[in-house]
Amino acid sequence: MGVLCLLPKVYAFETSRESEINECAAGEIANWGDGVDKPVLMQNINFLYISAEAPFWFDEKTVAELIQRAATAWSACGVGAKVSLGDQRHYLLSNEVVIQWSDAKSQGNIGAADVPNKRLYLSPSVFKKLREIRPTYDSRYTLQMTLSHEMGHFYGLVAHSKRCVDVLSYYKNNAGELCTIRDRAEFSRVIEYRSALPTACDIERCRRVNGF
């Protein structure tokens, strides 16, 4: 499997989507109101990855690298993090967040964050279904996006973003309202409009809630 590039490509000019990822214009930070952001109570976070039950094509090294990439990107908001490997017998320390695979705990979602219990769950069956539907699609992008999104909740971002491109976004709410976007025509030009890593607005929002 080749090297996956998850960062925007460099062109002579940026696409509308790339500009949205790299910029956070005045008034663009908005959320769906489905939660209240809260500052992180830990000075630094250790994301502990347990690989049991992972789909076979997501080897431990690959997933750990994706977690590290997300942690490095989120560190721009002022909260430090590191990534380590463990197993089911691991004793959870006060600053640790466990990332593991579980269909039961993810409850039908591709990923789920249990912030009070410091657990981030990924769904093996959803990724298996994605592989069946799109066998040639590189699902590492979706895994990176899912990790970045769910990890964001552990940085204090409880509510989901209304900006389509933000990694913390929902594309629409329960009432059917659509997320905001600078150029609606751009939405259908890519398989996944949401960024795989936190955007400038994700980081700015994280900095604000954590007092930086």
Protein backbone atom coordinates (compact mmCIF):
# COMPACT_ATOMS: atom_id res chain seq x y z
CA MET A 1 0.00 0.00 0.00
CA GLY A 2 1.41 3.37 -0.97
CA VAL A 3 1.99 6.42 1.16
CA LEU A 4 -1.23 8.27 1.96
CA CYS A 5 -1.15 12.03 1.60
CA LEU A 6 -3.75 13.57 3.93
CA LEU A 7 -2.60 17.15 3.69
CA PRO A 8 -3.89 19.57 1.04
CA LYS A 9 -1.85 19.54 -2.18
CA VAL A 10 0.08 22.69 -3.04
CA TYR A 11 -1.16 24.44 -6.17
CA ALA A 12 -0.48 27.86 -7.68
CA PHE A 13 -3.89 28.70 -6.26
CA GLU A 14 -6.04 27.06 -3.59
CA THR A 15 -9.40 25.47 -4.21
CA SER A 16 -12.31 26.82 -2.21
CA ARG A 17 -12.19 23.74 0.03
CA GLU A 18 -8.46 24.14 0.72
CA SER A 19 -8.98 27.80 1.59
CA GLU A 20 -11.69 26.82 4.06
CA ILE A 21 -9.37 24.25 5.66
CA ASN A 22 -6.48 26.70 6.04
CA GLU A 23 -8.42 29.87 6.96
CA CYS A 24 -10.95 30.80 9.62
CA ALA A 25 -12.71 33.99 8.59
CA ALA A 26 -14.52 36.25 11.04
CA GLY A 27 -17.92 34.86 11.96
CA GLU A 28 -17.29 31.38 10.52
CA ILE A 29 -17.07 29.55 13.85
CA ALA A 30 -20.53 28.17 14.55
CA ASN A 31 -21.94 24.90 15.86
CA TRP A 32 -25.25 23.03 15.80
CA GLY A 33 -25.92 23.73 19.48
CA ASP A 34 -25.96 20.00 20.26
CA GLY A 35 -23.60 20.37 23.21
CA VAL A 36 -21.59 22.83 25.29
CA ASP A 37 -17.82 23.02 24.79
CA LYS A 38 -15.77 22.58 27.94
CA PRO A 39 -12.05 23.12 28.67
CA VAL A 40 -9.83 20.06 28.93
CA LEU A 41 -9.03 19.12 32.52
CA MET A 42 -5.76 17.39 31.54
CA GLN A 43 -2.58 19.33 30.75
CA ASN A 44 -1.63 16.65 28.27
CA ILE A 45 -3.32 13.56 26.86
CA ASN A 46 -1.94 10.10 26.23
CA PHE A 47 -3.94 8.36 23.50
CA LEU A 48 -3.51 4.64 24.14
CA TYR A 49 -4.34 2.47 21.13
CA ILE A 50 -5.53 -1.13 21.55
CA SER A 51 -5.56 -2.93 18.21
CA ALA A 52 -7.72 -5.94 19.14
CA GLU A 53 -10.65 -6.52 16.71
CA ALA A 54 -9.27 -4.09 14.11
CA PRO A 55 -9.98 -4.98 10.44
CA PHE A 56 -6.96 -6.87 9.10
CA TRP A 57 -5.99 -4.15 6.61
CA PHE A 58 -5.56 -1.62 9.45
CA ASP A 59 -2.33 -2.88 11.00
CA GLU A 60 -1.24 -1.51 14.37
CA LYS A 61 1.53 0.67 12.95
CA THR A 62 -0.75 2.32 10.37
CA VAL A 63 -3.46 3.18 12.89
CA ALA A 64 -0.93 4.45 15.44
CA GLU A 65 0.53 6.76 12.78
CA LEU A 66 -2.94 8.14 11.97
CA ILE A 67 -3.61 8.75 15.66
CA GLN A 68 -0.25 10.52 15.97
CA ARG A 69 -1.02 12.67 12.92
CA ALA A 70 -4.32 13.76 14.48
CA ALA A 71 -2.71 14.37 17.89
CA THR A 72 0.04 16.49 16.30
CA ALA A 73 -2.52 18.56 14.42
CA TRP A 74 -4.69 19.10 17.51
CA SER A 75 -1.65 20.14 19.58
CA ALA A 76 -1.79 23.50 17.79
CA CYS A 77 -4.64 24.42 20.13
CA GLY A 78 -2.31 24.29 23.15
CA VAL A 79 -2.98 20.87 24.69
CA GLY A 80 -0.10 18.41 24.40
CA ALA A 81 -0.55 14.75 23.51
CA LYS A 82 1.36 11.55 22.85
CA VAL A 83 0.40 8.16 21.45
CA SER A 84 1.23 4.75 22.90
CA LEU A 85 0.21 1.13 22.40
CA GLY A 86 -1.48 -1.16 24.92
CA ASP A 87 -3.77 -4.14 25.35
CA GLN A 88 -7.05 -5.01 27.07
CA ARG A 89 -5.27 -5.63 30.39
CA HIS A 90 -3.82 -2.13 30.51
CA TYR A 91 -4.55 -0.14 33.67
CA LEU A 92 -5.93 3.26 32.67
CA LEU A 93 -4.01 6.24 34.04
CA SER A 94 -5.61 9.61 34.81
CA ASN A 95 -4.50 11.33 31.60
CA GLU A 96 -5.08 8.42 29.22
CA VAL A 97 -7.75 8.07 26.55
CA VAL A 98 -8.13 4.54 25.19
CA ILE A 99 -8.81 4.09 21.47
CA GLN A 100 -10.19 0.66 20.62
CA TRP A 101 -12.45 -1.25 18.20
CA SER A 102 -15.94 -2.28 19.26
CA ASP A 103 -19.19 -2.54 17.33
CA ALA A 104 -21.20 -2.75 20.53
CA LYS A 105 -19.69 0.39 22.06
CA SER A 106 -19.75 2.43 18.83
CA GLN A 107 -23.52 1.72 18.63
CA GLY A 108 -23.85 1.72 14.86
CA ASN A 109 -21.66 4.78 14.35
CA ILE A 110 -18.35 4.71 12.51
CA GLY A 111 -16.79 6.12 15.67
CA ALA A 112 -17.93 7.27 19.11
CA ALA A 113 -16.35 9.28 21.92
CA ASP A 114 -17.18 8.36 25.52
CA VAL A 115 -15.58 11.41 27.10
CA PRO A 116 -16.52 10.77 30.76
CA ASN A 117 -14.99 7.28 30.62
CA LYS A 118 -12.08 8.34 28.39
CA ARG A 119 -12.81 5.85 25.62
CA LEU A 120 -12.88 6.32 21.86
CA TYR A 121 -14.52 3.50 19.94
CA LEU A 122 -14.18 2.58 16.26
CA SER A 123 -16.58 0.27 14.44
CA PRO A 124 -15.01 -2.71 12.61
CA SER A 125 -18.26 -3.58 10.82
CA VAL A 126 -18.78 -0.07 9.38
CA PHE A 127 -15.26 -0.07 7.92
CA LYS A 128 -15.82 -3.58 6.55
CA LYS A 129 -19.04 -2.38 4.88
CA LEU A 130 -17.20 0.62 3.42
CA ARG A 131 -14.60 -1.77 1.96
CA GLU A 132 -17.37 -3.90 0.41
CA ILE A 133 -19.09 -0.89 -1.15
CA ARG A 134 -15.88 0.80 -2.37
CA PRO A 135 -13.16 -1.86 -2.66
CA THR A 136 -10.72 0.50 -4.42
CA TYR A 137 -11.23 3.42 -2.02
CA ASP A 138 -8.39 4.09 0.43
CA SER A 139 -10.32 3.92 3.71
CA ARG A 140 -7.34 5.26 5.64
CA TYR A 141 -8.69 8.73 4.78
CA THR A 142 -12.01 7.91 6.45
CA LEU A 143 -10.22 6.40 9.45
CA GLN A 144 -8.05 9.53 9.76
CA MET A 145 -11.13 11.75 9.59
CA THR A 146 -12.98 9.62 12.16
CA LEU A 147 -10.03 9.65 14.57
CA SER A 148 -9.52 13.41 14.20
CA HIS A 149 -13.24 14.03 14.73
CA GLU A 150 -13.67 11.85 17.80
CA MET A 151 -10.35 12.95 19.33
CA GLY A 152 -11.56 16.54 19.02
CA HIS A 153 -14.22 15.82 21.64
CA PHE A 154 -11.44 15.05 24.13
CA TYR A 155 -9.96 18.51 23.45
CA GLY A 156 -13.14 20.10 24.80
CA LEU A 157 -15.17 20.43 21.59
CA VAL A 158 -18.47 18.86 22.57
CA ALA A 159 -20.78 20.53 20.03
CA HIS A 160 -20.52 19.71 16.33
CA SER A 161 -19.50 22.34 13.79
CA LYS A 162 -21.90 23.82 11.22
CA ARG A 163 -19.03 24.45 8.80
CA CYS A 164 -19.03 21.54 6.33
CA VAL A 165 -15.25 21.35 5.99
CA ASP A 166 -14.46 21.24 9.72
CA VAL A 167 -13.41 17.83 11.01
CA LEU A 168 -15.89 18.34 13.87
CA SER A 169 -18.76 18.94 11.46
CA TYR A 170 -22.07 17.26 10.84
CA TYR A 171 -23.31 17.77 7.28
CA LYS A 172 -26.87 18.30 8.47
CA ASN A 173 -28.81 18.28 11.72
CA ASN A 174 -31.87 16.27 12.72
CA ALA A 175 -34.14 18.95 11.22
CA GLY A 176 -32.48 18.53 7.83
CA GLU A 177 -30.63 21.85 7.88
CA LEU A 178 -27.43 21.79 5.81
CA CYS A 179 -23.97 22.77 6.99
CA THR A 180 -22.44 26.02 5.79
CA ILE A 181 -19.99 26.20 2.90
CA ARG A 182 -18.39 29.01 0.91
CA ASP A 183 -19.07 27.43 -2.48
CA ARG A 184 -21.89 24.86 -2.50
CA ALA A 185 -20.77 23.61 -5.93
CA GLU A 186 -17.54 22.33 -4.34
CA PHE A 187 -19.43 19.91 -2.10
CA SER A 188 -20.12 17.32 -4.81
CA ARG A 189 -16.62 17.43 -6.33
CA VAL A 190 -15.01 15.21 -3.70
CA ILE A 191 -16.08 11.96 -2.04
CA GLU A 192 -15.70 13.47 1.43
CA TYR A 193 -15.84 17.24 1.88
CA ARG A 194 -15.00 17.15 5.57
CA SER A 195 -11.29 17.60 6.30
CA ALA A 196 -9.32 14.60 7.55
CA LEU A 197 -7.50 16.77 10.10
CA PRO A 198 -8.62 19.74 12.23
CA THR A 199 -9.10 22.92 10.23
CA ALA A 200 -8.09 26.45 11.18
CA CYS A 201 -11.57 26.98 12.67
CA ASP A 202 -11.41 23.70 14.61
CA ILE A 203 -8.09 24.81 16.12
CA GLU A 204 -9.27 28.35 16.86
CA ARG A 205 -12.38 27.05 18.58
CA CYS A 206 -10.25 24.64 20.63
CA ARG A 207 -7.91 27.46 21.65
CA ARG A 208 -10.83 29.62 22.74
CA VAL A 209 -12.50 26.98 24.90
CA ASN A 210 -9.18 26.08 26.54
CA GLY A 211 -8.24 29.70 27.26
CA PHE A 212 -5.33 30.07 24.85
